[in-house]
Amino acid sequence: MPDTQPTPLDLEDLRRTIAEVFCVDPGEVTDETRFVEDLGGDSLLALEVIVALEKKYTVRFAESDVRALTTLPRTYDVLADKLGAHG
């Protein structure tokens, strides 16, 4: 039987996923790292991040969500809200 459960939200796993998309070491994705300014993100990389996160966590992002995905903590918060994991 295929595993259809979404991936549980974990900050370190999210850090690794984002680092993978940006082709950087996970250590370079700190809480203060800005995806565009510090990692050189552009619209294509933003789309890659969105696709990776939607697939991994089985969520859909609205345009307003996408604009909020600027740092690791903000991305975590948006995902947590979507997954109902914020307490």
PDB file of N, CA and C in Angstrom:
ATOM      1  N   MET A   1       0.861  -1.186   0.000  1.00  0.00           N
ATOM      2  CA  MET A   1       0.000   0.000   0.000  1.00  0.00           C
ATOM      3  C   MET A   1       0.899   1.239   0.000  1.00  0.00           C
ATOM      4  N   PRO A   2       0.664   2.210  -0.903  1.00  0.00           N
ATOM      5  CA  PRO A   2       1.522   3.397  -0.952  1.00  0.00           C
ATOM      6  C   PRO A   2       1.312   4.293   0.255  1.00  0.00           C
ATOM      7  N   ASP A   3       2.388   4.953   0.654  1.00  0.00           N
ATOM      8  CA  ASP A   3       2.331   5.866   1.787  1.00  0.00           C
ATOM      9  C   ASP A   3       1.791   7.206   1.305  1.00  0.00           C
ATOM     10  N   THR A   4       0.594   7.558   1.751  1.00  0.00           N
ATOM     11  CA  THR A   4      -0.026   8.808   1.313  1.00  0.00           C
ATOM     12  C   THR A   4      -0.026   9.856   2.418  1.00  0.00           C
ATOM     13  N   GLN A   5       0.611   9.548   3.529  1.00  0.00           N
ATOM     14  CA  GLN A   5       0.674  10.501   4.622  1.00  0.00           C
ATOM     15  C   GLN A   5       1.633  11.634   4.257  1.00  0.00           C
ATOM     16  N   PRO A   6       1.253  12.888   4.506  1.00  0.00           N
ATOM     17  CA  PRO A   6       2.179  13.986   4.250  1.00  0.00           C
ATOM     18  C   PRO A   6       3.374  13.907   5.193  1.00  0.00           C
ATOM     19  N   THR A   7       4.462  14.456   4.762  1.00  0.00           N
ATOM     20  CA  THR A   7       5.667  14.512   5.575  1.00  0.00           C
ATOM     21  C   THR A   7       5.406  15.396   6.789  1.00  0.00           C
ATOM     22  N   PRO A   8       5.747  14.922   7.998  1.00  0.00           N
ATOM     23  CA  PRO A   8       5.572  15.790   9.167  1.00  0.00           C
ATOM     24  C   PRO A   8       6.507  16.999   9.070  1.00  0.00           C
ATOM     25  N   LEU A   9       6.052  18.109   9.578  1.00  0.00           N
ATOM     26  CA  LEU A   9       6.831  19.343   9.511  1.00  0.00           C
ATOM     27  C   LEU A   9       7.931  19.322  10.571  1.00  0.00           C
ATOM     28  N   ASP A  10       9.166  19.436  10.105  1.00  0.00           N
ATOM     29  CA  ASP A  10      10.328  19.457  10.983  1.00  0.00           C
ATOM     30  C   ASP A  10      11.252  20.552  10.469  1.00  0.00           C
ATOM     31  N   LEU A  11      11.667  21.446  11.343  1.00  0.00           N
ATOM     32  CA  LEU A  11      12.474  22.600  10.933  1.00  0.00           C
ATOM     33  C   LEU A  11      13.766  22.187  10.238  1.00  0.00           C
ATOM     34  N   GLU A  12      14.467  21.199  10.781  1.00  0.00           N
ATOM     35  CA  GLU A  12      15.743  20.792  10.177  1.00  0.00           C
ATOM     36  C   GLU A  12      15.530  20.123   8.821  1.00  0.00           C
ATOM     37  N   ASP A  13      14.468  19.349   8.692  1.00  0.00           N
ATOM     38  CA  ASP A  13      14.162  18.736   7.409  1.00  0.00           C
ATOM     39  C   ASP A  13      13.793  19.809   6.382  1.00  0.00           C
ATOM     40  N   LEU A  14      13.044  20.821   6.814  1.00  0.00           N
ATOM     41  CA  LEU A  14      12.691  21.938   5.941  1.00  0.00           C
ATOM     42  C   LEU A  14      13.956  22.684   5.516  1.00  0.00           C
ATOM     43  N   ARG A  15      14.878  22.898   6.435  1.00  0.00           N
ATOM     44  CA  ARG A  15      16.151  23.558   6.139  1.00  0.00           C
ATOM     45  C   ARG A  15      16.905  22.785   5.044  1.00  0.00           C
ATOM     46  N   ARG A  16      16.957  21.456   5.184  1.00  0.00           N
ATOM     47  CA  ARG A  16      17.655  20.630   4.195  1.00  0.00           C
ATOM     48  C   ARG A  16      16.964  20.698   2.837  1.00  0.00           C
ATOM     49  N   THR A  17      15.655  20.691   2.823  1.00  0.00           N
ATOM     50  CA  THR A  17      14.906  20.755   1.564  1.00  0.00           C
ATOM     51  C   THR A  17      15.181  22.069   0.846  1.00  0.00           C
ATOM     52  N   ILE A  18      15.136  23.173   1.567  1.00  0.00           N
ATOM     53  CA  ILE A  18      15.392  24.483   0.963  1.00  0.00           C
ATOM     54  C   ILE A  18      16.840  24.566   0.480  1.00  0.00           C
ATOM     55  N   ALA A  19      17.769  24.065   1.282  1.00  0.00           N
ATOM     56  CA  ALA A  19      19.181  24.073   0.889  1.00  0.00           C
ATOM     57  C   ALA A  19      19.385  23.272  -0.392  1.00  0.00           C
ATOM     58  N   GLU A  20      18.680  22.164  -0.508  1.00  0.00           N
ATOM     59  CA  GLU A  20      18.779  21.326  -1.699  1.00  0.00           C
ATOM     60  C   GLU A  20      18.342  22.095  -2.944  1.00  0.00           C
ATOM     61  N   VAL A  21      17.234  22.801  -2.859  1.00  0.00           N
ATOM     62  CA  VAL A  21      16.733  23.572  -3.998  1.00  0.00           C
ATOM     63  C   VAL A  21      17.723  24.678  -4.377  1.00  0.00           C
ATOM     64  N   PHE A  22      18.300  25.325  -3.382  1.00  0.00           N
ATOM     65  CA  PHE A  22      19.235  26.424  -3.645  1.00  0.00           C
ATOM     66  C   PHE A  22      20.664  25.932  -3.905  1.00  0.00           C
ATOM     67  N   CYS A  23      20.870  24.610  -3.807  1.00  0.00           N
ATOM     68  CA  CYS A  23      22.203  24.015  -4.024  1.00  0.00           C
ATOM     69  C   CYS A  23      23.246  24.622  -3.088  1.00  0.00           C
ATOM     70  N   VAL A  24      22.882  24.732  -1.812  1.00  0.00           N
ATOM     71  CA  VAL A  24      23.806  25.226  -0.795  1.00  0.00           C
ATOM     72  C   VAL A  24      23.836  24.222   0.359  1.00  0.00           C
ATOM     73  N   ASP A  25      24.830  24.362   1.221  1.00  0.00           N
ATOM     74  CA  ASP A  25      24.919  23.549   2.413  1.00  0.00           C
ATOM     75  C   ASP A  25      23.794  23.958   3.368  1.00  0.00           C
ATOM     76  N   PRO A  26      23.142  22.996   4.043  1.00  0.00           N
ATOM     77  CA  PRO A  26      22.077  23.365   4.985  1.00  0.00           C
ATOM     78  C   PRO A  26      22.518  24.389   6.024  1.00  0.00           C
ATOM     79  N   GLY A  27      23.793  24.406   6.375  1.00  0.00           N
ATOM     80  CA  GLY A  27      24.295  25.373   7.340  1.00  0.00           C
ATOM     81  C   GLY A  27      24.200  26.811   6.853  1.00  0.00           C
ATOM     82  N   GLU A  28      24.080  26.990   5.542  1.00  0.00           N
ATOM     83  CA  GLU A  28      23.948  28.336   4.981  1.00  0.00           C
ATOM     84  C   GLU A  28      22.518  28.861   5.080  1.00  0.00           C
ATOM     85  N   VAL A  29      21.573  27.982   5.399  1.00  0.00           N
ATOM     86  CA  VAL A  29      20.171  28.389   5.535  1.00  0.00           C
ATOM     87  C   VAL A  29      19.888  28.572   7.026  1.00  0.00           C
ATOM     88  N   THR A  30      20.276  29.744   7.540  1.00  0.00           N
ATOM     89  CA  THR A  30      20.055  30.058   8.952  1.00  0.00           C
ATOM     90  C   THR A  30      18.677  30.693   9.110  1.00  0.00           C
ATOM     91  N   ASP A  31      18.298  30.970  10.339  1.00  0.00           N
ATOM     92  CA  ASP A  31      17.010  31.624  10.583  1.00  0.00           C
ATOM     93  C   ASP A  31      16.988  33.032  10.002  1.00  0.00           C
ATOM     94  N   GLU A  32      18.144  33.649   9.853  1.00  0.00           N
ATOM     95  CA  GLU A  32      18.219  35.023   9.347  1.00  0.00           C
ATOM     96  C   GLU A  32      18.444  35.085   7.835  1.00  0.00           C
ATOM     97  N   THR A  33      18.798  33.967   7.209  1.00  0.00           N
ATOM     98  CA  THR A  33      19.096  33.956   5.777  1.00  0.00           C
ATOM     99  C   THR A  33      17.855  34.318   4.970  1.00  0.00           C
ATOM    100  N   ARG A  34      18.010  35.319   4.118  1.00  0.00           N
ATOM    101  CA  ARG A  34      16.919  35.710   3.218  1.00  0.00           C
ATOM    102  C   ARG A  34      17.158  35.010   1.879  1.00  0.00           C
ATOM    103  N   PHE A  35      16.130  34.362   1.387  1.00  0.00           N
ATOM    104  CA  PHE A  35      16.277  33.542   0.187  1.00  0.00           C
ATOM    105  C   PHE A  35      16.730  34.347  -1.025  1.00  0.00           C
ATOM    106  N   VAL A  36      16.185  35.524  -1.224  1.00  0.00           N
ATOM    107  CA  VAL A  36      16.544  36.327  -2.396  1.00  0.00           C
ATOM    108  C   VAL A  36      17.861  37.045  -2.174  1.00  0.00           C
ATOM    109  N   GLU A  37      17.940  37.827  -1.115  1.00  0.00           N
ATOM    110  CA  GLU A  37      19.107  38.681  -0.890  1.00  0.00           C
ATOM    111  C   GLU A  37      20.373  37.890  -0.562  1.00  0.00           C
ATOM    112  N   ASP A  38      20.252  36.837   0.241  1.00  0.00           N
ATOM    113  CA  ASP A  38      21.430  36.118   0.712  1.00  0.00           C
ATOM    114  C   ASP A  38      21.778  34.876  -0.108  1.00  0.00           C
ATOM    115  N   LEU A  39      20.767  34.234  -0.685  1.00  0.00           N
ATOM    116  CA  LEU A  39      21.018  33.006  -1.444  1.00  0.00           C
ATOM    117  C   LEU A  39      20.883  33.207  -2.949  1.00  0.00           C
ATOM    118  N   GLY A  40      20.575  34.430  -3.357  1.00  0.00           N
ATOM    119  CA  GLY A  40      20.473  34.705  -4.787  1.00  0.00           C
ATOM    120  C   GLY A  40      19.232  34.132  -5.438  1.00  0.00           C
ATOM    121  N   GLY A  41      18.181  33.971  -4.656  1.00  0.00           N
ATOM    122  CA  GLY A  41      16.939  33.422  -5.191  1.00  0.00           C
ATOM    123  C   GLY A  41      16.323  34.331  -6.227  1.00  0.00           C
ATOM    124  N   ASP A  42      15.669  33.714  -7.209  1.00  0.00           N
ATOM    125  CA  ASP A  42      14.941  34.447  -8.235  1.00  0.00           C
ATOM    126  C   ASP A  42      13.590  33.763  -8.429  1.00  0.00           C
ATOM    127  N   SER A  43      12.842  34.205  -9.416  1.00  0.00           N
ATOM    128  CA  SER A  43      11.496  33.661  -9.596  1.00  0.00           C
ATOM    129  C   SER A  43      11.525  32.170  -9.941  1.00  0.00           C
ATOM    130  N   LEU A  44      12.533  31.728 -10.675  1.00  0.00           N
ATOM    131  CA  LEU A  44      12.633  30.306 -11.015  1.00  0.00           C
ATOM    132  C   LEU A  44      12.918  29.468  -9.767  1.00  0.00           C
ATOM    133  N   LEU A  45      13.835  29.928  -8.933  1.00  0.00           N
ATOM    134  CA  LEU A  45      14.121  29.200  -7.689  1.00  0.00           C
ATOM    135  C   LEU A  45      12.928  29.234  -6.749  1.00  0.00           C
ATOM    136  N   ALA A  46      12.224  30.349  -6.735  1.00  0.00           N
ATOM    137  CA  ALA A  46      11.020  30.437  -5.896  1.00  0.00           C
ATOM    138  C   ALA A  46      10.012  29.375  -6.341  1.00  0.00           C
ATOM    139  N   LEU A  47       9.843  29.234  -7.641  1.00  0.00           N
ATOM    140  CA  LEU A  47       8.922  28.228  -8.164  1.00  0.00           C
ATOM    141  C   LEU A  47       9.394  26.823  -7.784  1.00  0.00           C
ATOM    142  N   GLU A  48      10.693  26.580  -7.860  1.00  0.00           N
ATOM    143  CA  GLU A  48      11.236  25.274  -7.484  1.00  0.00           C
ATOM    144  C   GLU A  48      10.990  24.980  -6.008  1.00  0.00           C
ATOM    145  N   VAL A  49      11.160  25.992  -5.153  1.00  0.00           N
ATOM    146  CA  VAL A  49      10.891  25.818  -3.724  1.00  0.00           C
ATOM    147  C   VAL A  49       9.423  25.476  -3.518  1.00  0.00           C
ATOM    148  N   ILE A  50       8.546  26.210  -4.165  1.00  0.00           N
ATOM    149  CA  ILE A  50       7.107  25.986  -4.019  1.00  0.00           C
ATOM    150  C   ILE A  50       6.724  24.578  -4.449  1.00  0.00           C
ATOM    151  N   VAL A  51       7.212  24.162  -5.610  1.00  0.00           N
ATOM    152  CA  VAL A  51       6.898  22.822  -6.113  1.00  0.00           C
ATOM    153  C   VAL A  51       7.411  21.758  -5.147  1.00  0.00           C
ATOM    154  N   ALA A  52       8.652  21.930  -4.667  1.00  0.00           N
ATOM    155  CA  ALA A  52       9.226  20.955  -3.739  1.00  0.00           C
ATOM    156  C   ALA A  52       8.408  20.863  -2.450  1.00  0.00           C
ATOM    157  N   LEU A  53       8.013  22.013  -1.917  1.00  0.00           N
ATOM    158  CA  LEU A  53       7.257  22.022  -0.660  1.00  0.00           C
ATOM    159  C   LEU A  53       5.843  21.492  -0.854  1.00  0.00           C
ATOM    160  N   GLU A  54       5.197  21.858  -1.956  1.00  0.00           N
ATOM    161  CA  GLU A  54       3.838  21.357  -2.207  1.00  0.00           C
ATOM    162  C   GLU A  54       3.837  19.842  -2.348  1.00  0.00           C
ATOM    163  N   LYS A  55       4.842  19.327  -3.034  1.00  0.00           N
ATOM    164  CA  LYS A  55       4.924  17.878  -3.225  1.00  0.00           C
ATOM    165  C   LYS A  55       5.241  17.170  -1.911  1.00  0.00           C
ATOM    166  N   LYS A  56       6.213  17.686  -1.183  1.00  0.00           N
ATOM    167  CA  LYS A  56       6.656  17.037   0.048  1.00  0.00           C
ATOM    168  C   LYS A  56       5.592  17.065   1.141  1.00  0.00           C
ATOM    169  N   TYR A  57       4.919  18.203   1.288  1.00  0.00           N
ATOM    170  CA  TYR A  57       3.973  18.373   2.394  1.00  0.00           C
ATOM    171  C   TYR A  57       2.508  18.273   1.962  1.00  0.00           C
ATOM    172  N   THR A  58       2.270  17.966   0.698  1.00  0.00           N
ATOM    173  CA  THR A  58       0.922  17.857   0.132  1.00  0.00           C
ATOM    174  C   THR A  58       0.034  19.044   0.516  1.00  0.00           C
ATOM    175  N   VAL A  59       0.547  20.244   0.223  1.00  0.00           N
ATOM    176  CA  VAL A  59      -0.198  21.486   0.442  1.00  0.00           C
ATOM    177  C   VAL A  59      -0.208  22.265  -0.870  1.00  0.00           C
ATOM    178  N   ARG A  60      -1.036  23.289  -0.918  1.00  0.00           N
ATOM    179  CA  ARG A  60      -1.069  24.206  -2.056  1.00  0.00           C
ATOM    180  C   ARG A  60      -0.848  25.603  -1.508  1.00  0.00           C
ATOM    181  N   PHE A  61      -0.032  26.382  -2.220  1.00  0.00           N
ATOM    182  CA  PHE A  61       0.246  27.748  -1.803  1.00  0.00           C
ATOM    183  C   PHE A  61      -0.524  28.729  -2.658  1.00  0.00           C
ATOM    184  N   ALA A  62      -1.132  29.718  -2.001  1.00  0.00           N
ATOM    185  CA  ALA A  62      -1.752  30.841  -2.700  1.00  0.00           C
ATOM    186  C   ALA A  62      -0.654  31.854  -3.001  1.00  0.00           C
ATOM    187  N   GLU A  63      -0.935  32.782  -3.899  1.00  0.00           N
ATOM    188  CA  GLU A  63       0.064  33.806  -4.236  1.00  0.00           C
ATOM    189  C   GLU A  63       0.506  34.585  -2.999  1.00  0.00           C
ATOM    190  N   SER A  64      -0.435  34.868  -2.106  1.00  0.00           N
ATOM    191  CA  SER A  64      -0.084  35.607  -0.887  1.00  0.00           C
ATOM    192  C   SER A  64       0.853  34.793  -0.003  1.00  0.00           C
ATOM    193  N   ASP A  65       0.700  33.474   0.008  1.00  0.00           N
ATOM    194  CA  ASP A  65       1.610  32.613   0.767  1.00  0.00           C
ATOM    195  C   ASP A  65       3.014  32.686   0.180  1.00  0.00           C
ATOM    196  N   VAL A  66       3.089  32.642  -1.133  1.00  0.00           N
ATOM    197  CA  VAL A  66       4.373  32.610  -1.826  1.00  0.00           C
ATOM    198  C   VAL A  66       5.199  33.841  -1.489  1.00  0.00           C
ATOM    199  N   ARG A  67       4.558  34.988  -1.431  1.00  0.00           N
ATOM    200  CA  ARG A  67       5.276  36.229  -1.102  1.00  0.00           C
ATOM    201  C   ARG A  67       5.843  36.193   0.311  1.00  0.00           C
ATOM    202  N   ALA A  68       5.276  35.370   1.186  1.00  0.00           N
ATOM    203  CA  ALA A  68       5.735  35.283   2.573  1.00  0.00           C
ATOM    204  C   ALA A  68       6.921  34.328   2.744  1.00  0.00           C
ATOM    205  N   LEU A  69       7.218  33.530   1.727  1.00  0.00           N
ATOM    206  CA  LEU A  69       8.286  32.537   1.844  1.00  0.00           C
ATOM    207  C   LEU A  69       9.638  33.197   1.580  1.00  0.00           C
ATOM    208  N   THR A  70      10.088  33.990   2.538  1.00  0.00           N
ATOM    209  CA  THR A  70      11.313  34.769   2.343  1.00  0.00           C
ATOM    210  C   THR A  70      12.479  34.296   3.213  1.00  0.00           C
ATOM    211  N   THR A  71      12.164  33.615   4.308  1.00  0.00           N
ATOM    212  CA  THR A  71      13.192  33.095   5.217  1.00  0.00           C
ATOM    213  C   THR A  71      12.726  31.732   5.716  1.00  0.00           C
ATOM    214  N   LEU A  72      13.625  31.005   6.337  1.00  0.00           N
ATOM    215  CA  LEU A  72      13.268  29.703   6.890  1.00  0.00           C
ATOM    216  C   LEU A  72      12.151  29.809   7.939  1.00  0.00           C
ATOM    217  N   PRO A  73      12.248  30.702   8.925  1.00  0.00           N
ATOM    218  CA  PRO A  73      11.169  30.781   9.922  1.00  0.00           C
ATOM    219  C   PRO A  73       9.811  31.167   9.309  1.00  0.00           C
ATOM    220  N   ARG A  74       9.815  32.082   8.344  1.00  0.00           N
ATOM    221  CA  ARG A  74       8.544  32.480   7.730  1.00  0.00           C
ATOM    222  C   ARG A  74       7.967  31.330   6.914  1.00  0.00           C
ATOM    223  N   THR A  75       8.828  30.597   6.225  1.00  0.00           N
ATOM    224  CA  THR A  75       8.367  29.443   5.451  1.00  0.00           C
ATOM    225  C   THR A  75       7.805  28.384   6.382  1.00  0.00           C
ATOM    226  N   TYR A  76       8.483  28.150   7.492  1.00  0.00           N
ATOM    227  CA  TYR A  76       8.013  27.189   8.486  1.00  0.00           C
ATOM    228  C   TYR A  76       6.639  27.595   9.004  1.00  0.00           C
ATOM    229  N   ASP A  77       6.471  28.883   9.330  1.00  0.00           N
ATOM    230  CA  ASP A  77       5.193  29.363   9.862  1.00  0.00           C
ATOM    231  C   ASP A  77       4.058  29.180   8.858  1.00  0.00           C
ATOM    232  N   VAL A  78       4.313  29.498   7.590  1.00  0.00           N
ATOM    233  CA  VAL A  78       3.272  29.337   6.557  1.00  0.00           C
ATOM    234  C   VAL A  78       2.896  27.856   6.440  1.00  0.00           C
ATOM    235  N   LEU A  79       3.909  26.999   6.392  1.00  0.00           N
ATOM    236  CA  LEU A  79       3.631  25.555   6.311  1.00  0.00           C
ATOM    237  C   LEU A  79       2.898  25.071   7.542  1.00  0.00           C
ATOM    238  N   ALA A  80       3.326  25.512   8.715  1.00  0.00           N
ATOM    239  CA  ALA A  80       2.675  25.086   9.957  1.00  0.00           C
ATOM    240  C   ALA A  80       1.191  25.471   9.948  1.00  0.00           C
ATOM    241  N   ASP A  81       0.901  26.678   9.485  1.00  0.00           N
ATOM    242  CA  ASP A  81      -0.502  27.116   9.400  1.00  0.00           C
ATOM    243  C   ASP A  81      -1.289  26.225   8.438  1.00  0.00           C
ATOM    244  N   LYS A  82      -0.686  25.939   7.289  1.00  0.00           N
ATOM    245  CA  LYS A  82      -1.366  25.101   6.295  1.00  0.00           C
ATOM    246  C   LYS A  82      -1.593  23.681   6.798  1.00  0.00           C
ATOM    247  N   LEU A  83      -0.640  23.182   7.570  1.00  0.00           N
ATOM    248  CA  LEU A  83      -0.734  21.801   8.069  1.00  0.00           C
ATOM    249  C   LEU A  83      -1.456  21.705   9.411  1.00  0.00           C
ATOM    250  N   GLY A  84      -1.834  22.852   9.965  1.00  0.00           N
ATOM    251  CA  GLY A  84      -2.507  22.847  11.263  1.00  0.00           C
ATOM    252  C   GLY A  84      -1.573  22.440  12.389  1.00  0.00           C
ATOM    253  N   ALA A  85      -0.262  22.694  12.187  1.00  0.00           N
ATOM    254  CA  ALA A  85       0.724  22.260  13.170  1.00  0.00           C
ATOM    255  C   ALA A  85       1.152  23.382  14.109  1.00  0.00           C
ATOM    256  N   HIS A  86       0.582  24.558  13.941  1.00  0.00           N
ATOM    257  CA  HIS A  86       0.948  25.677  14.815  1.00  0.00           C
ATOM    258  C   HIS A  86       0.115  25.604  16.080  1.00  0.00           C
ATOM    259  N   GLY A  87       0.812  25.725  17.172  1.00  0.00           N
ATOM    260  CA  GLY A  87       0.064  25.610  18.414  1.00  0.00           C
ATOM    261  C   GLY A  87      -0.058  26.832  19.196  1.00  0.00           C
TER     262      GLY A  87
END
